[in-house]
Amino acid sequence: MRMYVISDNVDTLTGLRLAGVEGVVAHTAGELGKALEYVGSDKNIGVLLITEKLAGSFKAEIDKIRLGKRLPLVIEIPDRHGTGRSPDSITAYVKEAIGVKLS
């Protein structure tokens, strides 16, 4: 299994390519759709890395993969501008998922 990255900026893609991860840059829904088709057709891709901003802009398309397929595992990563998540995103997620507030 290998990783593949779909990024909304060249810098993130370049950094991951230096680490040996293949990928593409996508700015439009069409470019993202083409990249997702490729990922879906390649059975060797086990992990899809996608920048948080891009995943947030095309949430329905990303959720379709997350909920409809076992592989690839979709992981949202911050880009060079940092993360878009709030500092307590993990605790908020736990509270929402199981109803327990963590201190």
PDB file of N, CA and C in Angstrom:
ATOM      1  N   MET A   1       0.839  -1.180   0.000  1.00  0.00           N
ATOM      2  CA  MET A   1       0.000   0.000   0.000  1.00  0.00           C
ATOM      3  C   MET A   1       0.883   1.243   0.000  1.00  0.00           C
ATOM      4  N   ARG A   2       0.374   2.258  -0.670  1.00  0.00           N
ATOM      5  CA  ARG A   2       1.136   3.495  -0.728  1.00  0.00           C
ATOM      6  C   ARG A   2       0.236   4.689  -0.431  1.00  0.00           C
ATOM      7  N   MET A   3       0.862   5.834  -0.198  1.00  0.00           N
ATOM      8  CA  MET A   3       0.130   7.070   0.080  1.00  0.00           C
ATOM      9  C   MET A   3       0.072   7.919  -1.182  1.00  0.00           C
ATOM     10  N   TYR A   4      -0.956   8.775  -1.218  1.00  0.00           N
ATOM     11  CA  TYR A   4      -1.142   9.718  -2.315  1.00  0.00           C
ATOM     12  C   TYR A   4      -1.674  11.002  -1.709  1.00  0.00           C
ATOM     13  N   VAL A   5      -1.239  12.155  -2.221  1.00  0.00           N
ATOM     14  CA  VAL A   5      -1.673  13.434  -1.675  1.00  0.00           C
ATOM     15  C   VAL A   5      -2.399  14.248  -2.738  1.00  0.00           C
ATOM     16  N   ILE A   6      -3.497  14.867  -2.309  1.00  0.00           N
ATOM     17  CA  ILE A   6      -4.186  15.862  -3.126  1.00  0.00           C
ATOM     18  C   ILE A   6      -4.118  17.153  -2.329  1.00  0.00           C
ATOM     19  N   SER A   7      -3.460  18.158  -2.914  1.00  0.00           N
ATOM     20  CA  SER A   7      -3.205  19.405  -2.210  1.00  0.00           C
ATOM     21  C   SER A   7      -3.794  20.579  -2.972  1.00  0.00           C
ATOM     22  N   ASP A   8      -4.041  21.653  -2.267  1.00  0.00           N
ATOM     23  CA  ASP A   8      -4.502  22.872  -2.926  1.00  0.00           C
ATOM     24  C   ASP A   8      -3.359  23.857  -3.128  1.00  0.00           C
ATOM     25  N   ASN A   9      -2.138  23.454  -2.778  1.00  0.00           N
ATOM     26  CA  ASN A   9      -0.993  24.326  -3.043  1.00  0.00           C
ATOM     27  C   ASN A   9       0.251  23.506  -3.370  1.00  0.00           C
ATOM     28  N   VAL A  10       1.115  24.101  -4.148  1.00  0.00           N
ATOM     29  CA  VAL A  10       2.309  23.422  -4.646  1.00  0.00           C
ATOM     30  C   VAL A  10       3.312  23.137  -3.539  1.00  0.00           C
ATOM     31  N   ASP A  11       3.401  24.013  -2.546  1.00  0.00           N
ATOM     32  CA  ASP A  11       4.388  23.833  -1.488  1.00  0.00           C
ATOM     33  C   ASP A  11       4.165  22.539  -0.701  1.00  0.00           C
ATOM     34  N   THR A  12       2.929  22.270  -0.343  1.00  0.00           N
ATOM     35  CA  THR A  12       2.622  21.035   0.394  1.00  0.00           C
ATOM     36  C   THR A  12       2.944  19.818  -0.458  1.00  0.00           C
ATOM     37  N   LEU A  13       2.552  19.865  -1.720  1.00  0.00           N
ATOM     38  CA  LEU A  13       2.837  18.750  -2.622  1.00  0.00           C
ATOM     39  C   LEU A  13       4.339  18.539  -2.773  1.00  0.00           C
ATOM     40  N   THR A  14       5.091  19.611  -2.929  1.00  0.00           N
ATOM     41  CA  THR A  14       6.543  19.506  -3.083  1.00  0.00           C
ATOM     42  C   THR A  14       7.182  18.880  -1.848  1.00  0.00           C
ATOM     43  N   GLY A  15       6.766  19.324  -0.675  1.00  0.00           N
ATOM     44  CA  GLY A  15       7.309  18.754   0.565  1.00  0.00           C
ATOM     45  C   GLY A  15       7.038  17.267   0.692  1.00  0.00           C
ATOM     46  N   LEU A  16       5.841  16.852   0.343  1.00  0.00           N
ATOM     47  CA  LEU A  16       5.513  15.432   0.445  1.00  0.00           C
ATOM     48  C   LEU A  16       6.181  14.615  -0.657  1.00  0.00           C
ATOM     49  N   ARG A  17       6.380  15.224  -1.811  1.00  0.00           N
ATOM     50  CA  ARG A  17       7.115  14.516  -2.877  1.00  0.00           C
ATOM     51  C   ARG A  17       8.556  14.258  -2.442  1.00  0.00           C
ATOM     52  N   LEU A  18       9.143  15.205  -1.703  1.00  0.00           N
ATOM     53  CA  LEU A  18      10.502  14.993  -1.189  1.00  0.00           C
ATOM     54  C   LEU A  18      10.554  13.813  -0.224  1.00  0.00           C
ATOM     55  N   ALA A  19       9.408  13.520   0.400  1.00  0.00           N
ATOM     56  CA  ALA A  19       9.323  12.370   1.308  1.00  0.00           C
ATOM     57  C   ALA A  19       8.904  11.103   0.572  1.00  0.00           C
ATOM     58  N   GLY A  20       8.728  11.187  -0.750  1.00  0.00           N
ATOM     59  CA  GLY A  20       8.405  10.008  -1.542  1.00  0.00           C
ATOM     60  C   GLY A  20       6.923   9.768  -1.765  1.00  0.00           C
ATOM     61  N   VAL A  21       6.088  10.763  -1.481  1.00  0.00           N
ATOM     62  CA  VAL A  21       4.646  10.611  -1.658  1.00  0.00           C
ATOM     63  C   VAL A  21       4.236  11.275  -2.971  1.00  0.00           C
ATOM     64  N   GLU A  22       3.592  10.506  -3.839  1.00  0.00           N
ATOM     65  CA  GLU A  22       3.102  11.059  -5.106  1.00  0.00           C
ATOM     66  C   GLU A  22       1.824  11.839  -4.862  1.00  0.00           C
ATOM     67  N   GLY A  23       1.458  12.717  -5.818  1.00  0.00           N
ATOM     68  CA  GLY A  23       0.223  13.446  -5.675  1.00  0.00           C
ATOM     69  C   GLY A  23       0.009  14.480  -6.745  1.00  0.00           C
ATOM     70  N   VAL A  24      -1.053  15.268  -6.570  1.00  0.00           N
ATOM     71  CA  VAL A  24      -1.410  16.323  -7.515  1.00  0.00           C
ATOM     72  C   VAL A  24      -1.908  17.543  -6.760  1.00  0.00           C
ATOM     73  N   VAL A  25      -1.950  18.660  -7.479  1.00  0.00           N
ATOM     74  CA  VAL A  25      -2.546  19.892  -6.965  1.00  0.00           C
ATOM     75  C   VAL A  25      -3.920  20.020  -7.624  1.00  0.00           C
ATOM     76  N   ALA A  26      -4.937  20.341  -6.817  1.00  0.00           N
ATOM     77  CA  ALA A  26      -6.294  20.524  -7.329  1.00  0.00           C
ATOM     78  C   ALA A  26      -6.876  21.811  -6.747  1.00  0.00           C
ATOM     79  N   HIS A  27      -7.431  22.642  -7.624  1.00  0.00           N
ATOM     80  CA  HIS A  27      -8.054  23.889  -7.177  1.00  0.00           C
ATOM     81  C   HIS A  27      -9.549  23.913  -7.442  1.00  0.00           C
ATOM     82  N   THR A  28      -9.992  23.181  -8.459  1.00  0.00           N
ATOM     83  CA  THR A  28     -11.405  23.198  -8.842  1.00  0.00           C
ATOM     84  C   THR A  28     -12.052  21.854  -8.564  1.00  0.00           C
ATOM     85  N   ALA A  29     -13.372  21.841  -8.612  1.00  0.00           N
ATOM     86  CA  ALA A  29     -14.110  20.583  -8.412  1.00  0.00           C
ATOM     87  C   ALA A  29     -13.754  19.580  -9.499  1.00  0.00           C
ATOM     88  N   GLY A  30     -13.529  20.057 -10.708  1.00  0.00           N
ATOM     89  CA  GLY A  30     -13.147  19.164 -11.807  1.00  0.00           C
ATOM     90  C   GLY A  30     -11.797  18.512 -11.584  1.00  0.00           C
ATOM     91  N   GLU A  31     -10.836  19.305 -11.148  1.00  0.00           N
ATOM     92  CA  GLU A  31      -9.505  18.756 -10.872  1.00  0.00           C
ATOM     93  C   GLU A  31      -9.553  17.766  -9.719  1.00  0.00           C
ATOM     94  N   LEU A  32     -10.335  18.097  -8.695  1.00  0.00           N
ATOM     95  CA  LEU A  32     -10.467  17.186  -7.560  1.00  0.00           C
ATOM     96  C   LEU A  32     -11.154  15.898  -7.994  1.00  0.00           C
ATOM     97  N   GLY A  33     -12.203  16.016  -8.789  1.00  0.00           N
ATOM     98  CA  GLY A  33     -12.913  14.832  -9.274  1.00  0.00           C
ATOM     99  C   GLY A  33     -12.011  13.900 -10.052  1.00  0.00           C
ATOM    100  N   LYS A  34     -11.186  14.466 -10.921  1.00  0.00           N
ATOM    101  CA  LYS A  34     -10.241  13.666 -11.708  1.00  0.00           C
ATOM    102  C   LYS A  34      -9.237  12.960 -10.794  1.00  0.00           C
ATOM    103  N   ALA A  35      -8.729  13.683  -9.789  1.00  0.00           N
ATOM    104  CA  ALA A  35      -7.766  13.097  -8.846  1.00  0.00           C
ATOM    105  C   ALA A  35      -8.418  11.992  -8.025  1.00  0.00           C
ATOM    106  N   LEU A  36      -9.655  12.203  -7.590  1.00  0.00           N
ATOM    107  CA  LEU A  36     -10.359  11.183  -6.797  1.00  0.00           C
ATOM    108  C   LEU A  36     -10.679   9.947  -7.635  1.00  0.00           C
ATOM    109  N   GLU A  37     -10.966  10.135  -8.910  1.00  0.00           N
ATOM    110  CA  GLU A  37     -11.182   8.992  -9.809  1.00  0.00           C
ATOM    111  C   GLU A  37      -9.918   8.153  -9.892  1.00  0.00           C
ATOM    112  N   TYR A  38      -8.781   8.826 -10.033  1.00  0.00           N
ATOM    113  CA  TYR A  38      -7.505   8.121 -10.094  1.00  0.00           C
ATOM    114  C   TYR A  38      -7.263   7.334  -8.806  1.00  0.00           C
ATOM    115  N   VAL A  39      -7.485   7.984  -7.674  1.00  0.00           N
ATOM    116  CA  VAL A  39      -7.267   7.322  -6.384  1.00  0.00           C
ATOM    117  C   VAL A  39      -8.189   6.116  -6.247  1.00  0.00           C
ATOM    118  N   GLY A  40      -9.435   6.262  -6.654  1.00  0.00           N
ATOM    119  CA  GLY A  40     -10.391   5.161  -6.561  1.00  0.00           C
ATOM    120  C   GLY A  40     -10.068   3.992  -7.471  1.00  0.00           C
ATOM    121  N   SER A  41      -9.407   4.271  -8.587  1.00  0.00           N
ATOM    122  CA  SER A  41      -9.087   3.208  -9.535  1.00  0.00           C
ATOM    123  C   SER A  41      -7.775   2.492  -9.224  1.00  0.00           C
ATOM    124  N   ASP A  42      -6.923   3.096  -8.432  1.00  0.00           N
ATOM    125  CA  ASP A  42      -5.626   2.499  -8.096  1.00  0.00           C
ATOM    126  C   ASP A  42      -5.748   1.755  -6.765  1.00  0.00           C
ATOM    127  N   LYS A  43      -5.780   0.447  -6.833  1.00  0.00           N
ATOM    128  CA  LYS A  43      -5.967  -0.384  -5.636  1.00  0.00           C
ATOM    129  C   LYS A  43      -4.741  -0.415  -4.733  1.00  0.00           C
ATOM    130  N   ASN A  44      -3.625   0.145  -5.189  1.00  0.00           N
ATOM    131  CA  ASN A  44      -2.410   0.183  -4.365  1.00  0.00           C
ATOM    132  C   ASN A  44      -2.376   1.375  -3.421  1.00  0.00           C
ATOM    133  N   ILE A  45      -3.291   2.329  -3.594  1.00  0.00           N
ATOM    134  CA  ILE A  45      -3.326   3.504  -2.717  1.00  0.00           C
ATOM    135  C   ILE A  45      -4.150   3.160  -1.484  1.00  0.00           C
ATOM    136  N   GLY A  46      -3.482   3.141  -0.338  1.00  0.00           N
ATOM    137  CA  GLY A  46      -4.145   2.794   0.922  1.00  0.00           C
ATOM    138  C   GLY A  46      -4.446   3.995   1.796  1.00  0.00           C
ATOM    139  N   VAL A  47      -3.714   5.096   1.574  1.00  0.00           N
ATOM    140  CA  VAL A  47      -3.897   6.307   2.380  1.00  0.00           C
ATOM    141  C   VAL A  47      -3.950   7.508   1.439  1.00  0.00           C
ATOM    142  N   LEU A  48      -5.021   8.277   1.560  1.00  0.00           N
ATOM    143  CA  LEU A  48      -5.160   9.515   0.806  1.00  0.00           C
ATOM    144  C   LEU A  48      -4.963  10.677   1.769  1.00  0.00           C
ATOM    145  N   LEU A  49      -3.931  11.470   1.531  1.00  0.00           N
ATOM    146  CA  LEU A  49      -3.699  12.682   2.302  1.00  0.00           C
ATOM    147  C   LEU A  49      -4.309  13.835   1.520  1.00  0.00           C
ATOM    148  N   ILE A  50      -5.098  14.668   2.182  1.00  0.00           N
ATOM    149  CA  ILE A  50      -5.715  15.809   1.519  1.00  0.00           C
ATOM    150  C   ILE A  50      -5.635  17.008   2.454  1.00  0.00           C
ATOM    151  N   THR A  51      -5.318  18.161   1.906  1.00  0.00           N
ATOM    152  CA  THR A  51      -5.198  19.337   2.760  1.00  0.00           C
ATOM    153  C   THR A  51      -6.559  19.716   3.345  1.00  0.00           C
ATOM    154  N   GLU A  52      -6.534  20.222   4.573  1.00  0.00           N
ATOM    155  CA  GLU A  52      -7.773  20.555   5.298  1.00  0.00           C
ATOM    156  C   GLU A  52      -8.633  21.552   4.531  1.00  0.00           C
ATOM    157  N   LYS A  53      -8.018  22.549   3.959  1.00  0.00           N
ATOM    158  CA  LYS A  53      -8.767  23.579   3.234  1.00  0.00           C
ATOM    159  C   LYS A  53      -9.496  22.964   2.041  1.00  0.00           C
ATOM    160  N   LEU A  54      -8.817  22.113   1.303  1.00  0.00           N
ATOM    161  CA  LEU A  54      -9.414  21.461   0.138  1.00  0.00           C
ATOM    162  C   LEU A  54     -10.530  20.516   0.559  1.00  0.00           C
ATOM    163  N   ALA A  55     -10.297  19.749   1.596  1.00  0.00           N
ATOM    164  CA  ALA A  55     -11.326  18.824   2.096  1.00  0.00           C
ATOM    165  C   ALA A  55     -12.549  19.579   2.592  1.00  0.00           C
ATOM    166  N   GLY A  56     -12.335  20.718   3.229  1.00  0.00           N
ATOM    167  CA  GLY A  56     -13.449  21.524   3.715  1.00  0.00           C
ATOM    168  C   GLY A  56     -14.259  22.141   2.595  1.00  0.00           C
ATOM    169  N   SER A  57     -13.590  22.501   1.497  1.00  0.00           N
ATOM    170  CA  SER A  57     -14.268  23.101   0.357  1.00  0.00           C
ATOM    171  C   SER A  57     -15.093  22.093  -0.431  1.00  0.00           C
ATOM    172  N   PHE A  58     -14.703  20.828  -0.379  1.00  0.00           N
ATOM    173  CA  PHE A  58     -15.391  19.777  -1.122  1.00  0.00           C
ATOM    174  C   PHE A  58     -15.782  18.646  -0.178  1.00  0.00           C
ATOM    175  N   LYS A  59     -16.431  19.009   0.912  1.00  0.00           N
ATOM    176  CA  LYS A  59     -16.779  18.070   1.979  1.00  0.00           C
ATOM    177  C   LYS A  59     -17.613  16.889   1.484  1.00  0.00           C
ATOM    178  N   ALA A  60     -18.603  17.129   0.640  1.00  0.00           N
ATOM    179  CA  ALA A  60     -19.488  16.058   0.167  1.00  0.00           C
ATOM    180  C   ALA A  60     -18.711  14.987  -0.599  1.00  0.00           C
ATOM    181  N   GLU A  61     -17.790  15.418  -1.453  1.00  0.00           N
ATOM    182  CA  GLU A  61     -17.004  14.468  -2.239  1.00  0.00           C
ATOM    183  C   GLU A  61     -16.089  13.630  -1.342  1.00  0.00           C
ATOM    184  N   ILE A  62     -15.490  14.259  -0.354  1.00  0.00           N
ATOM    185  CA  ILE A  62     -14.584  13.554   0.552  1.00  0.00           C
ATOM    186  C   ILE A  62     -15.369  12.599   1.454  1.00  0.00           C
ATOM    187  N   ASP A  63     -16.510  13.055   1.972  1.00  0.00           N
ATOM    188  CA  ASP A  63     -17.338  12.192   2.824  1.00  0.00           C
ATOM    189  C   ASP A  63     -17.846  10.974   2.057  1.00  0.00           C
ATOM    190  N   LYS A  64     -18.082  11.128   0.775  1.00  0.00           N
ATOM    191  CA  LYS A  64     -18.531  10.001  -0.055  1.00  0.00           C
ATOM    192  C   LYS A  64     -17.478   8.884  -0.052  1.00  0.00           C
ATOM    193  N   ILE A  65     -16.224   9.266  -0.122  1.00  0.00           N
ATOM    194  CA  ILE A  65     -15.144   8.267  -0.074  1.00  0.00           C
ATOM    195  C   ILE A  65     -15.028   7.680   1.326  1.00  0.00           C
ATOM    196  N   ARG A  66     -15.054   8.548   2.341  1.00  0.00           N
ATOM    197  CA  ARG A  66     -14.907   8.081   3.722  1.00  0.00           C
ATOM    198  C   ARG A  66     -15.997   7.082   4.102  1.00  0.00           C
ATOM    199  N   LEU A  67     -17.220   7.370   3.706  1.00  0.00           N
ATOM    200  CA  LEU A  67     -18.344   6.544   4.123  1.00  0.00           C
ATOM    201  C   LEU A  67     -18.643   5.398   3.172  1.00  0.00           C
ATOM    202  N   GLY A  68     -18.188   5.504   1.936  1.00  0.00           N
ATOM    203  CA  GLY A  68     -18.554   4.507   0.946  1.00  0.00           C
ATOM    204  C   GLY A  68     -17.519   3.446   0.660  1.00  0.00           C
ATOM    205  N   LYS A  69     -16.287   3.672   1.088  1.00  0.00           N
ATOM    206  CA  LYS A  69     -15.215   2.725   0.769  1.00  0.00           C
ATOM    207  C   LYS A  69     -14.395   2.412   2.014  1.00  0.00           C
ATOM    208  N   ARG A  70     -13.876   1.216   2.014  1.00  0.00           N
ATOM    209  CA  ARG A  70     -12.995   0.826   3.113  1.00  0.00           C
ATOM    210  C   ARG A  70     -11.604   1.438   2.937  1.00  0.00           C
ATOM    211  N   LEU A  71     -11.137   1.468   1.707  1.00  0.00           N
ATOM    212  CA  LEU A  71      -9.852   2.076   1.368  1.00  0.00           C
ATOM    213  C   LEU A  71     -10.059   3.026   0.207  1.00  0.00           C
ATOM    214  N   PRO A  72      -9.348   4.077   0.145  1.00  0.00           N
ATOM    215  CA  PRO A  72      -8.240   4.494   0.992  1.00  0.00           C
ATOM    216  C   PRO A  72      -8.720   5.184   2.261  1.00  0.00           C
ATOM    217  N   LEU A  73      -7.878   5.141   3.241  1.00  0.00           N
ATOM    218  CA  LEU A  73      -8.094   5.895   4.467  1.00  0.00           C
ATOM    219  C   LEU A  73      -7.824   7.359   4.140  1.00  0.00           C
ATOM    220  N   VAL A  74      -8.780   8.238   4.424  1.00  0.00           N
ATOM    221  CA  VAL A  74      -8.640   9.655   4.094  1.00  0.00           C
ATOM    222  C   VAL A  74      -8.186  10.412   5.338  1.00  0.00           C
ATOM    223  N   ILE A  75      -7.060  11.113   5.209  1.00  0.00           N
ATOM    224  CA  ILE A  75      -6.504  11.877   6.319  1.00  0.00           C
ATOM    225  C   ILE A  75      -6.340  13.320   5.878  1.00  0.00           C
ATOM    226  N   GLU A  76      -6.942  14.239   6.641  1.00  0.00           N
ATOM    227  CA  GLU A  76      -6.803  15.662   6.366  1.00  0.00           C
ATOM    228  C   GLU A  76      -5.535  16.167   7.047  1.00  0.00           C
ATOM    229  N   ILE A  77      -4.735  16.890   6.290  1.00  0.00           N
ATOM    230  CA  ILE A  77      -3.480  17.419   6.818  1.00  0.00           C
ATOM    231  C   ILE A  77      -3.471  18.949   6.692  1.00  0.00           C
ATOM    232  N   PRO A  78      -2.800  19.634   7.607  1.00  0.00           N
ATOM    233  CA  PRO A  78      -2.665  21.087   7.469  1.00  0.00           C
ATOM    234  C   PRO A  78      -1.733  21.403   6.311  1.00  0.00           C
ATOM    235  N   ASP A  79      -1.898  22.575   5.720  1.00  0.00           N
ATOM    236  CA  ASP A  79      -0.978  22.993   4.670  1.00  0.00           C
ATOM    237  C   ASP A  79       0.063  23.944   5.263  1.00  0.00           C
ATOM    238  N   ARG A  80       0.785  24.616   4.421  1.00  0.00           N
ATOM    239  CA  ARG A  80       1.873  25.485   4.904  1.00  0.00           C
ATOM    240  C   ARG A  80       1.386  26.659   5.729  1.00  0.00           C
ATOM    241  N   HIS A  81       0.089  26.964   5.652  1.00  0.00           N
ATOM    242  CA  HIS A  81      -0.476  28.067   6.423  1.00  0.00           C
ATOM    243  C   HIS A  81      -0.941  27.625   7.811  1.00  0.00           C
ATOM    244  N   GLY A  82      -0.801  26.350   8.104  1.00  0.00           N
ATOM    245  CA  GLY A  82      -1.209  25.838   9.406  1.00  0.00           C
ATOM    246  C   GLY A  82      -2.556  25.148   9.341  1.00  0.00           C
ATOM    247  N   THR A  83      -3.050  24.783  10.497  1.00  0.00           N
ATOM    248  CA  THR A  83      -4.301  24.044  10.575  1.00  0.00           C
ATOM    249  C   THR A  83      -5.493  24.984  10.657  1.00  0.00           C
ATOM    250  N   GLY A  84      -6.625  24.512  10.192  1.00  0.00           N
ATOM    251  CA  GLY A  84      -7.852  25.275  10.283  1.00  0.00           C
ATOM    252  C   GLY A  84      -8.690  24.850  11.470  1.00  0.00           C
ATOM    253  N   ARG A  85      -8.187  23.893  12.227  1.00  0.00           N
ATOM    254  CA  ARG A  85      -8.919  23.366  13.379  1.00  0.00           C
ATOM    255  C   ARG A  85      -8.732  24.250  14.596  1.00  0.00           C
ATOM    256  N   SER A  86      -9.738  24.213  15.463  1.00  0.00           N
ATOM    257  CA  SER A  86      -9.617  24.934  16.719  1.00  0.00           C
ATOM    258  C   SER A  86      -8.693  24.157  17.648  1.00  0.00           C
ATOM    259  N   PRO A  87      -8.117  24.818  18.641  1.00  0.00           N
ATOM    260  CA  PRO A  87      -7.185  24.142  19.539  1.00  0.00           C
ATOM    261  C   PRO A  87      -7.813  22.962  20.295  1.00  0.00           C
ATOM    262  N   ASP A  88      -9.129  22.993  20.526  1.00  0.00           N
ATOM    263  CA  ASP A  88      -9.774  21.904  21.259  1.00  0.00           C
ATOM    264  C   ASP A  88     -10.602  21.001  20.350  1.00  0.00           C
ATOM    265  N   SER A  89     -10.190  20.838  19.102  1.00  0.00           N
ATOM    266  CA  SER A  89     -10.980  20.061  18.147  1.00  0.00           C
ATOM    267  C   SER A  89     -11.118  18.593  18.550  1.00  0.00           C
ATOM    268  N   ILE A  90     -10.101  18.010  19.153  1.00  0.00           N
ATOM    269  CA  ILE A  90     -10.164  16.604  19.559  1.00  0.00           C
ATOM    270  C   ILE A  90     -11.176  16.429  20.694  1.00  0.00           C
ATOM    271  N   THR A  91     -11.121  17.283  21.708  1.00  0.00           N
ATOM    272  CA  THR A  91     -12.066  17.151  22.818  1.00  0.00           C
ATOM    273  C   THR A  91     -13.493  17.427  22.356  1.00  0.00           C
ATOM    274  N   ALA A  92     -13.678  18.360  21.442  1.00  0.00           N
ATOM    275  CA  ALA A  92     -15.019  18.625  20.908  1.00  0.00           C
ATOM    276  C   ALA A  92     -15.531  17.425  20.132  1.00  0.00           C
ATOM    277  N   TYR A  93     -14.648  16.761  19.399  1.00  0.00           N
ATOM    278  CA  TYR A  93     -15.020  15.570  18.643  1.00  0.00           C
ATOM    279  C   TYR A  93     -15.451  14.442  19.585  1.00  0.00           C
ATOM    280  N   VAL A  94     -14.704  14.226  20.658  1.00  0.00           N
ATOM    281  CA  VAL A  94     -15.051  13.189  21.633  1.00  0.00           C
ATOM    282  C   VAL A  94     -16.397  13.504  22.277  1.00  0.00           C
ATOM    283  N   LYS A  95     -16.606  14.751  22.648  1.00  0.00           N
ATOM    284  CA  LYS A  95     -17.866  15.149  23.267  1.00  0.00           C
ATOM    285  C   LYS A  95     -19.035  14.905  22.310  1.00  0.00           C
ATOM    286  N   GLU A  96     -18.865  15.263  21.060  1.00  0.00           N
ATOM    287  CA  GLU A  96     -19.911  15.050  20.076  1.00  0.00           C
ATOM    288  C   GLU A  96     -20.169  13.566  19.813  1.00  0.00           C
ATOM    289  N   ALA A  97     -19.109  12.778  19.751  1.00  0.00           N
ATOM    290  CA  ALA A  97     -19.238  11.366  19.421  1.00  0.00           C
ATOM    291  C   ALA A  97     -19.832  10.521  20.541  1.00  0.00           C
ATOM    292  N   ILE A  98     -19.388  10.753  21.777  1.00  0.00           N
ATOM    293  CA  ILE A  98     -19.864   9.895  22.876  1.00  0.00           C
ATOM    294  C   ILE A  98     -20.543  10.631  24.010  1.00  0.00           C
ATOM    295  N   GLY A  99     -20.598  11.943  23.902  1.00  0.00           N
ATOM    296  CA  GLY A  99     -21.330  12.724  24.911  1.00  0.00           C
ATOM    297  C   GLY A  99     -20.602  12.918  26.226  1.00  0.00           C
ATOM    298  N   VAL A 100     -19.284  12.739  26.224  1.00  0.00           N
ATOM    299  CA  VAL A 100     -18.498  12.900  27.445  1.00  0.00           C
ATOM    300  C   VAL A 100     -17.612  14.121  27.297  1.00  0.00           C
ATOM    301  N   LYS A 101     -17.670  15.024  28.266  1.00  0.00           N
ATOM    302  CA  LYS A 101     -16.828  16.204  28.235  1.00  0.00           C
ATOM    303  C   LYS A 101     -15.510  15.904  28.917  1.00  0.00           C
ATOM    304  N   LEU A 102     -14.413  16.146  28.212  1.00  0.00           N
ATOM    305  CA  LEU A 102     -13.081  15.953  28.785  1.00  0.00           C
ATOM    306  C   LEU A 102     -12.578  17.261  29.321  1.00  0.00           C
ATOM    307  N   SER A 103     -11.959  17.222  30.491  1.00  0.00           N
ATOM    308  CA  SER A 103     -11.434  18.456  31.095  1.00  0.00           C
ATOM    309  C   SER A 103     -10.042  18.733  30.657  1.00  0.00           C
TER     310      SER A 103
END
